[in-house]
């Protein structure tokens, strides 16, 4: 099963995706605004993808595929894994899930693919999962991500003070939310 956007296709992550995921997670530029955790060997990333439970209501992890040629738009050619998007922490009793996303292939940055992937993932959450709300946190200085979230319809709901450390400074994060009728 695929979830499609205008230019991206979302699909379940596979153990074969481990090398790309490992490479992205070890690229400081890709992980700049992420809570990266600790470096893991490739074998551990592969094992995590093999052992993780299949996608279910409480945790849906999608690989983001885009046209293999970054300049090709939505037409023709093969597809390439360029990032991931995840809806997690959902429970039917609360109708809410947390969203995480990143594009690991830097030549695909700034082409609208993250916006398309967020929109597709949220649409899936509202329609297939019957969610009422999708939430996220984002570092206040991460202007690219804020632009994506605002285009899709997320609004700032609060500010978490000094919860993210980068370059020797403590930075704030916004909490943002999107209700099911607000998707743009």
N, C-alpha and C. Protein backbone atom coordinates (compact mmCIF):
# COMPACT_ATOMS: atom_id res chain seq x y z
N UNK A 1 0.84 -1.18 0.00
CA UNK A 1 0.00 0.00 0.00
C UNK A 1 0.89 1.25 0.00
N UNK A 2 0.53 2.19 -0.82
CA UNK A 2 1.23 3.46 -0.89
C UNK A 2 0.27 4.58 -0.53
N UNK A 3 0.81 5.62 0.08
CA UNK A 3 0.09 6.86 0.30
C UNK A 3 0.73 7.84 -0.65
N UNK A 4 -0.07 8.49 -1.47
CA UNK A 4 0.51 9.36 -2.49
C UNK A 4 0.18 10.82 -2.22
N UNK A 5 1.16 11.63 -2.53
CA UNK A 5 0.99 13.07 -2.55
C UNK A 5 1.03 13.51 -4.01
N UNK A 6 1.21 14.79 -4.23
CA UNK A 6 1.32 15.27 -5.61
C UNK A 6 2.61 14.79 -6.26
N UNK A 7 3.71 14.75 -5.48
CA UNK A 7 5.01 14.37 -6.03
C UNK A 7 5.70 13.25 -5.28
N UNK A 8 5.26 12.98 -4.06
CA UNK A 8 5.90 11.93 -3.27
C UNK A 8 4.98 10.73 -3.12
N UNK A 9 5.61 9.64 -2.76
CA UNK A 9 4.88 8.42 -2.43
C UNK A 9 5.42 7.95 -1.08
N UNK A 10 4.53 7.64 -0.15
CA UNK A 10 4.91 7.14 1.16
C UNK A 10 4.70 5.63 1.17
N UNK A 11 5.68 4.91 1.70
CA UNK A 11 5.58 3.46 1.78
C UNK A 11 6.23 2.98 3.06
N UNK A 12 5.90 1.77 3.49
CA UNK A 12 6.49 1.21 4.70
C UNK A 12 8.01 1.12 4.54
N UNK A 13 8.73 1.39 5.61
CA UNK A 13 10.19 1.24 5.60
C UNK A 13 10.54 -0.24 5.61
N UNK A 14 11.61 -0.59 4.94
CA UNK A 14 12.07 -1.97 4.81
C UNK A 14 13.47 -2.11 5.39
N UNK A 15 13.89 -3.32 5.79
CA UNK A 15 15.27 -3.51 6.24
C UNK A 15 16.31 -3.06 5.22
N UNK A 16 15.96 -3.13 3.93
CA UNK A 16 16.87 -2.68 2.87
C UNK A 16 17.11 -1.18 2.91
N UNK A 17 16.30 -0.44 3.66
CA UNK A 17 16.46 1.01 3.77
C UNK A 17 17.48 1.40 4.84
N UNK A 18 18.04 0.41 5.53
CA UNK A 18 18.93 0.69 6.66
C UNK A 18 20.13 1.53 6.27
N UNK A 19 20.76 1.27 5.14
CA UNK A 19 21.96 2.02 4.76
C UNK A 19 21.66 3.50 4.58
N UNK A 20 20.55 3.80 3.91
CA UNK A 20 20.18 5.20 3.73
C UNK A 20 19.89 5.85 5.08
N UNK A 21 19.12 5.18 5.91
CA UNK A 21 18.78 5.72 7.23
C UNK A 21 20.03 5.94 8.07
N UNK A 22 20.95 4.98 8.06
CA UNK A 22 22.21 5.11 8.80
C UNK A 22 23.02 6.31 8.29
N UNK A 23 23.10 6.45 6.97
CA UNK A 23 23.86 7.56 6.37
C UNK A 23 23.25 8.90 6.77
N UNK A 24 21.93 9.03 6.69
CA UNK A 24 21.28 10.27 7.06
C UNK A 24 21.51 10.61 8.53
N UNK A 25 21.39 9.59 9.39
CA UNK A 25 21.53 9.80 10.83
C UNK A 25 22.95 10.14 11.25
N UNK A 26 23.91 9.97 10.35
CA UNK A 26 25.30 10.31 10.64
C UNK A 26 25.77 11.55 9.89
N UNK A 27 24.84 12.27 9.28
CA UNK A 27 25.16 13.49 8.56
C UNK A 27 24.76 14.68 9.44
N UNK A 28 25.74 15.43 9.95
CA UNK A 28 25.41 16.53 10.86
C UNK A 28 24.48 17.58 10.26
N UNK A 29 24.57 17.80 8.97
CA UNK A 29 23.69 18.80 8.33
C UNK A 29 22.24 18.31 8.31
N UNK A 30 22.03 17.03 8.02
CA UNK A 30 20.69 16.46 8.02
C UNK A 30 20.10 16.48 9.43
N UNK A 31 20.92 16.17 10.42
CA UNK A 31 20.44 16.02 11.80
C UNK A 31 20.50 17.32 12.61
N UNK A 32 20.83 18.43 11.95
CA UNK A 32 21.03 19.70 12.66
C UNK A 32 19.92 20.04 13.64
N UNK A 33 18.67 19.88 13.26
CA UNK A 33 17.55 20.29 14.10
C UNK A 33 16.83 19.11 14.74
N UNK A 34 17.46 17.94 14.69
CA UNK A 34 16.83 16.73 15.23
C UNK A 34 17.45 16.35 16.56
N UNK A 35 16.69 15.67 17.40
CA UNK A 35 17.22 15.02 18.60
C UNK A 35 17.83 13.71 18.11
N UNK A 36 19.12 13.74 17.80
CA UNK A 36 19.77 12.65 17.09
C UNK A 36 20.05 11.42 17.95
N UNK A 37 20.11 11.55 19.25
CA UNK A 37 20.46 10.40 20.09
C UNK A 37 21.92 10.04 19.90
N UNK A 38 22.23 8.79 20.05
CA UNK A 38 23.61 8.32 19.96
C UNK A 38 23.84 7.58 18.65
N UNK A 39 25.05 7.68 18.12
CA UNK A 39 25.41 6.99 16.88
C UNK A 39 25.22 5.49 17.05
N UNK A 40 24.68 4.86 16.02
CA UNK A 40 24.44 3.41 16.03
C UNK A 40 25.17 2.79 14.84
N UNK A 41 25.68 1.57 15.00
CA UNK A 41 26.28 0.89 13.86
C UNK A 41 25.21 0.50 12.85
N UNK A 42 25.61 0.35 11.61
CA UNK A 42 24.68 -0.03 10.55
C UNK A 42 23.94 -1.31 10.89
N UNK A 43 24.61 -2.28 11.47
CA UNK A 43 23.96 -3.55 11.83
C UNK A 43 22.80 -3.32 12.80
N UNK A 44 22.94 -2.37 13.73
CA UNK A 44 21.87 -2.09 14.69
C UNK A 44 20.68 -1.41 14.00
N UNK A 45 20.96 -0.51 13.07
CA UNK A 45 19.88 0.14 12.32
C UNK A 45 19.12 -0.89 11.50
N UNK A 46 19.85 -1.78 10.86
CA UNK A 46 19.22 -2.85 10.07
C UNK A 46 18.36 -3.74 10.98
N UNK A 47 18.90 -4.12 12.13
CA UNK A 47 18.15 -4.96 13.07
C UNK A 47 16.90 -4.23 13.56
N UNK A 48 17.01 -2.93 13.83
CA UNK A 48 15.84 -2.17 14.28
C UNK A 48 14.73 -2.21 13.23
N UNK A 49 15.10 -2.02 11.96
CA UNK A 49 14.08 -2.07 10.91
C UNK A 49 13.49 -3.47 10.76
N UNK A 50 14.28 -4.50 10.99
CA UNK A 50 13.78 -5.88 10.88
C UNK A 50 12.89 -6.24 12.06
N UNK A 51 13.25 -5.77 13.25
CA UNK A 51 12.57 -6.20 14.47
C UNK A 51 11.39 -5.32 14.87
N UNK A 52 11.34 -4.10 14.36
CA UNK A 52 10.26 -3.21 14.80
C UNK A 52 8.91 -3.80 14.40
N UNK A 53 7.91 -3.61 15.24
CA UNK A 53 6.59 -4.12 14.89
C UNK A 53 6.12 -3.52 13.57
N UNK A 54 5.26 -4.22 12.89
CA UNK A 54 4.72 -3.68 11.65
C UNK A 54 3.94 -2.41 11.95
N UNK A 55 3.76 -1.60 10.93
CA UNK A 55 3.00 -0.37 11.12
C UNK A 55 1.63 -0.69 11.70
N UNK A 56 1.23 0.09 12.67
CA UNK A 56 -0.07 -0.05 13.30
C UNK A 56 -0.56 1.31 13.74
N UNK A 57 -1.72 1.32 14.35
CA UNK A 57 -2.35 2.60 14.71
C UNK A 57 -1.45 3.47 15.57
N UNK A 58 -0.72 2.87 16.49
CA UNK A 58 0.08 3.67 17.42
C UNK A 58 1.41 4.13 16.85
N UNK A 59 1.86 3.57 15.73
CA UNK A 59 3.17 3.94 15.17
C UNK A 59 3.22 3.57 13.70
N UNK A 60 3.19 4.58 12.84
CA UNK A 60 3.26 4.38 11.39
C UNK A 60 4.51 5.09 10.89
N UNK A 61 5.44 4.29 10.34
CA UNK A 61 6.69 4.82 9.80
C UNK A 61 6.69 4.63 8.29
N UNK A 62 6.77 5.73 7.57
CA UNK A 62 6.79 5.69 6.11
C UNK A 62 8.13 6.19 5.58
N UNK A 63 8.63 5.53 4.55
CA UNK A 63 9.71 6.08 3.76
C UNK A 63 9.10 7.02 2.74
N UNK A 64 9.78 8.12 2.46
CA UNK A 64 9.32 9.08 1.46
C UNK A 64 10.08 8.80 0.17
N UNK A 65 9.36 8.47 -0.88
CA UNK A 65 9.96 8.27 -2.19
C UNK A 65 9.62 9.44 -3.09
N UNK A 66 10.60 9.84 -3.90
CA UNK A 66 10.43 10.93 -4.86
C UNK A 66 11.00 10.48 -6.18
N UNK A 67 10.72 11.21 -7.26
CA UNK A 67 11.34 10.85 -8.55
C UNK A 67 12.86 10.78 -8.40
N UNK A 68 13.46 9.77 -9.02
CA UNK A 68 14.91 9.55 -8.90
C UNK A 68 15.71 10.77 -9.35
N UNK A 69 15.20 11.52 -10.30
CA UNK A 69 15.85 12.76 -10.74
C UNK A 69 15.21 13.91 -9.98
N UNK A 70 15.97 14.60 -9.10
CA UNK A 70 15.38 15.66 -8.28
C UNK A 70 14.68 16.75 -9.08
N UNK A 71 15.06 16.96 -10.32
CA UNK A 71 14.44 18.01 -11.12
C UNK A 71 13.27 17.53 -11.96
N UNK A 72 12.88 16.26 -11.81
CA UNK A 72 11.88 15.68 -12.71
C UNK A 72 10.45 16.00 -12.33
N UNK A 73 10.20 16.63 -11.19
CA UNK A 73 8.82 16.87 -10.79
C UNK A 73 8.16 15.55 -10.45
N UNK A 74 6.91 15.36 -10.81
CA UNK A 74 6.20 14.13 -10.49
C UNK A 74 6.16 13.13 -11.61
N UNK A 75 6.79 13.42 -12.74
CA UNK A 75 6.61 12.57 -13.90
C UNK A 75 7.80 11.67 -14.18
N UNK A 76 7.50 10.48 -14.69
CA UNK A 76 8.49 9.57 -15.28
C UNK A 76 9.55 9.06 -14.36
N UNK A 77 10.35 8.13 -14.89
CA UNK A 77 11.53 7.62 -14.21
C UNK A 77 11.23 6.81 -12.98
N UNK A 78 12.30 6.34 -12.35
CA UNK A 78 12.19 5.56 -11.13
C UNK A 78 11.98 6.44 -9.92
N UNK A 79 11.96 5.79 -8.78
CA UNK A 79 11.76 6.51 -7.53
C UNK A 79 12.92 6.21 -6.59
N UNK A 80 13.17 7.14 -5.70
CA UNK A 80 14.29 7.04 -4.77
C UNK A 80 13.81 7.38 -3.36
N UNK A 81 14.28 6.64 -2.37
CA UNK A 81 13.99 6.93 -0.98
C UNK A 81 14.77 8.19 -0.60
N UNK A 82 14.07 9.21 -0.13
CA UNK A 82 14.72 10.49 0.17
C UNK A 82 14.52 10.93 1.62
N UNK A 83 13.69 10.25 2.38
CA UNK A 83 13.45 10.66 3.76
C UNK A 83 12.45 9.76 4.43
N UNK A 84 11.99 10.20 5.59
CA UNK A 84 10.98 9.44 6.32
C UNK A 84 10.03 10.37 7.02
N UNK A 85 8.83 9.84 7.28
CA UNK A 85 7.81 10.56 8.03
C UNK A 85 7.12 9.54 8.93
N UNK A 86 6.78 10.00 10.14
CA UNK A 86 6.24 9.06 11.14
C UNK A 86 5.10 9.71 11.90
N UNK A 87 4.04 8.96 12.10
CA UNK A 87 2.96 9.33 13.00
C UNK A 87 3.03 8.35 14.16
N UNK A 88 3.25 8.85 15.38
CA UNK A 88 3.43 7.96 16.51
C UNK A 88 2.64 8.45 17.72
N UNK A 89 2.49 7.54 18.68
CA UNK A 89 1.82 7.88 19.93
C UNK A 89 0.31 7.99 19.82
N UNK A 90 -0.25 7.48 18.74
CA UNK A 90 -1.70 7.58 18.56
C UNK A 90 -2.42 6.55 19.44
N UNK A 91 -3.57 6.93 19.92
CA UNK A 91 -4.45 6.03 20.65
C UNK A 91 -5.88 6.43 20.30
N UNK A 92 -6.74 5.45 20.03
CA UNK A 92 -8.12 5.79 19.63
C UNK A 92 -8.83 6.67 20.65
N UNK A 93 -8.48 6.52 21.92
CA UNK A 93 -9.16 7.29 22.97
C UNK A 93 -8.87 8.78 22.88
N UNK A 94 -7.70 9.14 22.33
CA UNK A 94 -7.36 10.57 22.26
C UNK A 94 -7.40 11.13 20.85
N UNK A 95 -7.34 10.28 19.82
CA UNK A 95 -7.45 10.74 18.44
C UNK A 95 -6.36 11.69 18.01
N UNK A 96 -5.18 11.53 18.58
CA UNK A 96 -4.09 12.45 18.32
C UNK A 96 -2.81 11.65 18.08
N UNK A 97 -1.92 12.14 17.20
CA UNK A 97 -0.63 11.51 16.95
C UNK A 97 0.42 12.59 16.79
N UNK A 98 1.68 12.21 17.06
CA UNK A 98 2.82 13.11 16.88
C UNK A 98 3.46 12.85 15.53
N UNK A 99 3.87 13.91 14.85
CA UNK A 99 4.49 13.81 13.53
C UNK A 99 5.97 14.12 13.61
N UNK A 100 6.78 13.31 12.95
CA UNK A 100 8.20 13.56 12.76
C UNK A 100 8.49 13.38 11.28
N UNK A 101 9.39 14.20 10.75
CA UNK A 101 9.76 14.08 9.34
C UNK A 101 11.17 14.61 9.14
N UNK A 102 11.87 14.02 8.20
CA UNK A 102 13.07 14.66 7.67
C UNK A 102 13.40 14.08 6.31
N UNK A 103 14.01 14.94 5.49
CA UNK A 103 14.55 14.52 4.21
C UNK A 103 16.05 14.34 4.39
N UNK A 104 16.54 13.17 4.08
CA UNK A 104 17.96 12.87 4.26
C UNK A 104 18.80 13.15 3.04
N UNK A 105 18.19 13.18 1.87
CA UNK A 105 18.92 13.43 0.62
C UNK A 105 18.89 14.93 0.35
N UNK A 106 20.01 15.58 0.62
CA UNK A 106 20.05 17.05 0.59
C UNK A 106 19.76 17.65 -0.77
N UNK A 107 20.05 16.94 -1.87
CA UNK A 107 19.75 17.51 -3.18
C UNK A 107 18.24 17.63 -3.43
N UNK A 108 17.43 17.06 -2.53
CA UNK A 108 15.97 17.16 -2.64
C UNK A 108 15.40 18.26 -1.75
N UNK A 109 16.25 18.91 -0.96
CA UNK A 109 15.78 19.99 -0.09
C UNK A 109 15.33 21.18 -0.93
N UNK A 110 14.35 21.90 -0.43
CA UNK A 110 13.90 23.14 -1.06
C UNK A 110 13.09 22.93 -2.32
N UNK A 111 12.55 21.75 -2.53
CA UNK A 111 11.78 21.45 -3.74
C UNK A 111 10.30 21.17 -3.45
N UNK A 112 9.87 21.42 -2.23
CA UNK A 112 8.46 21.22 -1.88
C UNK A 112 8.10 19.80 -1.50
N UNK A 113 9.08 18.90 -1.46
CA UNK A 113 8.78 17.50 -1.17
C UNK A 113 8.39 17.29 0.29
N UNK A 114 9.02 18.01 1.21
CA UNK A 114 8.66 17.88 2.62
C UNK A 114 7.22 18.34 2.85
N UNK A 115 6.84 19.44 2.22
CA UNK A 115 5.46 19.92 2.34
C UNK A 115 4.49 18.88 1.82
N UNK A 116 4.79 18.30 0.66
CA UNK A 116 3.94 17.27 0.07
C UNK A 116 3.86 16.04 0.97
N UNK A 117 4.99 15.63 1.55
CA UNK A 117 5.01 14.46 2.42
C UNK A 117 4.23 14.70 3.72
N UNK A 118 4.39 15.88 4.32
CA UNK A 118 3.64 16.20 5.54
C UNK A 118 2.15 16.22 5.24
N UNK A 119 1.77 16.83 4.14
CA UNK A 119 0.36 16.90 3.76
C UNK A 119 -0.20 15.49 3.54
N UNK A 120 0.54 14.62 2.84
CA UNK A 120 0.09 13.25 2.58
C UNK A 120 -0.02 12.46 3.88
N UNK A 121 0.96 12.59 4.76
CA UNK A 121 0.93 11.86 6.03
C UNK A 121 -0.24 12.32 6.90
N UNK A 122 -0.48 13.62 6.96
CA UNK A 122 -1.60 14.13 7.75
C UNK A 122 -2.93 13.70 7.16
N UNK A 123 -3.05 13.75 5.84
CA UNK A 123 -4.28 13.28 5.19
C UNK A 123 -4.53 11.81 5.55
N UNK A 124 -3.46 11.00 5.50
CA UNK A 124 -3.58 9.59 5.88
C UNK A 124 -4.04 9.48 7.34
N UNK A 125 -3.45 10.28 8.23
CA UNK A 125 -3.83 10.25 9.64
C UNK A 125 -5.30 10.60 9.84
N UNK A 126 -5.78 11.62 9.17
CA UNK A 126 -7.16 12.05 9.33
C UNK A 126 -8.15 11.08 8.68
N UNK A 127 -7.82 10.58 7.49
CA UNK A 127 -8.76 9.73 6.76
C UNK A 127 -8.67 8.27 7.17
N UNK A 128 -7.48 7.68 7.12
CA UNK A 128 -7.34 6.24 7.37
C UNK A 128 -7.31 5.91 8.87
N UNK A 129 -6.65 6.77 9.65
CA UNK A 129 -6.52 6.50 11.09
C UNK A 129 -7.63 7.15 11.90
N UNK A 130 -8.42 8.00 11.27
CA UNK A 130 -9.51 8.74 11.92
C UNK A 130 -9.02 9.59 13.10
N UNK A 131 -7.85 10.20 12.92
CA UNK A 131 -7.32 11.11 13.93
C UNK A 131 -8.12 12.40 13.93
N UNK A 132 -8.11 13.08 15.04
CA UNK A 132 -8.69 14.40 15.14
C UNK A 132 -7.61 15.49 15.08
N UNK A 133 -6.38 15.12 15.53
CA UNK A 133 -5.33 16.12 15.62
C UNK A 133 -3.96 15.48 15.40
N UNK A 134 -3.06 16.24 14.75
CA UNK A 134 -1.66 15.86 14.60
C UNK A 134 -0.84 16.97 15.26
N UNK A 135 0.13 16.58 16.08
CA UNK A 135 0.96 17.54 16.79
C UNK A 135 2.43 17.32 16.45
N UNK A 136 3.26 18.30 16.78
CA UNK A 136 4.71 18.19 16.59
C UNK A 136 5.39 19.23 17.44
N UNK A 137 6.71 19.08 17.56
CA UNK A 137 7.54 20.14 18.13
C UNK A 137 8.61 20.45 17.11
N UNK A 138 9.04 21.71 17.09
CA UNK A 138 10.04 22.16 16.13
C UNK A 138 10.88 23.26 16.77
N UNK A 139 12.18 23.22 16.55
CA UNK A 139 13.07 24.24 17.07
C UNK A 139 12.69 25.58 16.43
N UNK A 140 12.57 26.60 17.25
CA UNK A 140 12.11 27.92 16.80
C UNK A 140 12.99 28.46 15.67
N UNK A 141 14.28 28.18 15.69
CA UNK A 141 15.20 28.68 14.65
C UNK A 141 15.15 27.89 13.36
N UNK A 142 14.41 26.79 13.30
CA UNK A 142 14.35 25.95 12.10
C UNK A 142 13.30 26.53 11.13
N UNK A 143 13.70 27.59 10.44
CA UNK A 143 12.78 28.33 9.57
C UNK A 143 12.24 27.47 8.42
N UNK A 144 13.05 26.59 7.85
CA UNK A 144 12.59 25.75 6.74
C UNK A 144 11.44 24.85 7.19
N UNK A 145 11.60 24.21 8.35
CA UNK A 145 10.54 23.33 8.85
C UNK A 145 9.29 24.14 9.22
N UNK A 146 9.47 25.28 9.87
CA UNK A 146 8.32 26.11 10.23
C UNK A 146 7.52 26.51 8.99
N UNK A 147 8.22 26.83 7.92
CA UNK A 147 7.55 27.19 6.67
C UNK A 147 6.70 26.03 6.15
N UNK A 148 7.26 24.83 6.17
CA UNK A 148 6.53 23.64 5.72
C UNK A 148 5.27 23.46 6.56
N UNK A 149 5.42 23.48 7.88
CA UNK A 149 4.28 23.20 8.75
C UNK A 149 3.19 24.26 8.60
N UNK A 150 3.58 25.51 8.49
CA UNK A 150 2.58 26.57 8.32
C UNK A 150 1.84 26.44 6.99
N UNK A 151 2.55 26.07 5.92
CA UNK A 151 1.89 25.88 4.61
C UNK A 151 0.81 24.81 4.68
N UNK A 152 1.04 23.78 5.48
CA UNK A 152 0.10 22.67 5.58
C UNK A 152 -1.07 23.01 6.50
N UNK A 153 -0.89 24.01 7.36
CA UNK A 153 -1.97 24.45 8.24
C UNK A 153 -1.69 24.35 9.73
N UNK A 154 -0.52 23.86 10.12
CA UNK A 154 -0.18 23.79 11.54
C UNK A 154 -0.12 25.19 12.14
N UNK A 155 -0.55 25.29 13.39
CA UNK A 155 -0.48 26.56 14.12
C UNK A 155 0.32 26.35 15.41
N UNK A 156 0.98 27.41 15.84
CA UNK A 156 1.74 27.36 17.08
C UNK A 156 0.76 27.37 18.25
N UNK A 157 0.98 26.40 19.16
CA UNK A 157 0.10 26.28 20.32
C UNK A 157 0.83 26.58 21.63
N UNK A 158 2.13 26.62 21.58
CA UNK A 158 2.88 26.90 22.80
C UNK A 158 4.37 26.95 22.50
N UNK A 159 5.12 27.30 23.51
CA UNK A 159 6.57 27.42 23.37
C UNK A 159 7.21 26.72 24.56
N UNK A 160 8.11 25.80 24.25
CA UNK A 160 8.89 25.10 25.27
C UNK A 160 10.23 25.80 25.37
N UNK A 161 10.54 26.33 26.52
CA UNK A 161 11.73 27.15 26.67
C UNK A 161 12.98 26.31 26.93
N UNK A 162 14.02 26.60 26.15
CA UNK A 162 15.36 26.04 26.31
C UNK A 162 15.36 24.53 26.52
N UNK A 163 14.83 23.80 25.53
CA UNK A 163 14.75 22.33 25.62
C UNK A 163 15.60 21.63 24.58
N UNK A 164 16.31 22.37 23.75
CA UNK A 164 17.12 21.79 22.68
C UNK A 164 18.47 22.50 22.67
N UNK A 165 19.53 21.72 22.69
CA UNK A 165 20.87 22.31 22.73
C UNK A 165 21.57 22.11 21.40
N UNK A 166 22.08 23.22 20.84
CA UNK A 166 22.84 23.15 19.59
C UNK A 166 23.84 24.29 19.59
N UNK A 167 25.03 24.01 19.14
CA UNK A 167 26.10 25.01 19.05
C UNK A 167 26.35 25.72 20.37
N UNK A 168 26.26 24.97 21.47
CA UNK A 168 26.54 25.54 22.79
C UNK A 168 25.45 26.42 23.35
N UNK A 169 24.29 26.46 22.69
CA UNK A 169 23.18 27.30 23.16
C UNK A 169 21.94 26.44 23.40
N UNK A 170 21.16 26.84 24.38
CA UNK A 170 19.86 26.22 24.62
C UNK A 170 18.81 26.99 23.81
N UNK A 171 18.03 26.26 23.06
CA UNK A 171 17.04 26.86 22.16
C UNK A 171 15.63 26.42 22.54
N UNK A 172 14.67 27.24 22.16
CA UNK A 172 13.26 26.94 22.40
C UNK A 172 12.69 26.11 21.27
N UNK A 173 11.58 25.45 21.57
CA UNK A 173 10.80 24.73 20.56
C UNK A 173 9.36 25.22 20.62
N UNK A 174 8.72 25.26 19.45
CA UNK A 174 7.28 25.47 19.39
C UNK A 174 6.60 24.11 19.46
N UNK A 175 5.45 24.07 20.10
CA UNK A 175 4.54 22.96 19.91
C UNK A 175 3.52 23.46 18.89
N UNK A 176 3.21 22.62 17.92
CA UNK A 176 2.29 23.01 16.86
C UNK A 176 1.23 21.92 16.70
N UNK A 177 0.06 22.32 16.27
CA UNK A 177 -1.03 21.37 16.08
C UNK A 177 -1.80 21.65 14.82
N UNK A 178 -2.41 20.59 14.31
CA UNK A 178 -3.25 20.65 13.12
C UNK A 178 -4.50 19.81 13.40
N UNK A 179 -5.66 20.44 13.38
CA UNK A 179 -6.93 19.73 13.56
C UNK A 179 -7.40 19.20 12.22
N UNK A 180 -8.24 18.18 12.25
CA UNK A 180 -8.60 17.49 11.01
C UNK A 180 -9.24 18.38 9.95
N UNK A 181 -9.93 19.41 10.31
CA UNK A 181 -10.53 20.29 9.30
C UNK A 181 -9.62 21.41 8.82
N UNK A 182 -8.38 21.46 9.30
CA UNK A 182 -7.50 22.58 8.99
C UNK A 182 -6.45 22.27 7.94
N UNK A 183 -6.37 21.05 7.45
CA UNK A 183 -5.35 20.66 6.48
C UNK A 183 -5.50 21.47 5.19
N UNK A 184 -4.39 22.10 4.79
CA UNK A 184 -4.39 22.91 3.56
C UNK A 184 -3.74 22.14 2.43
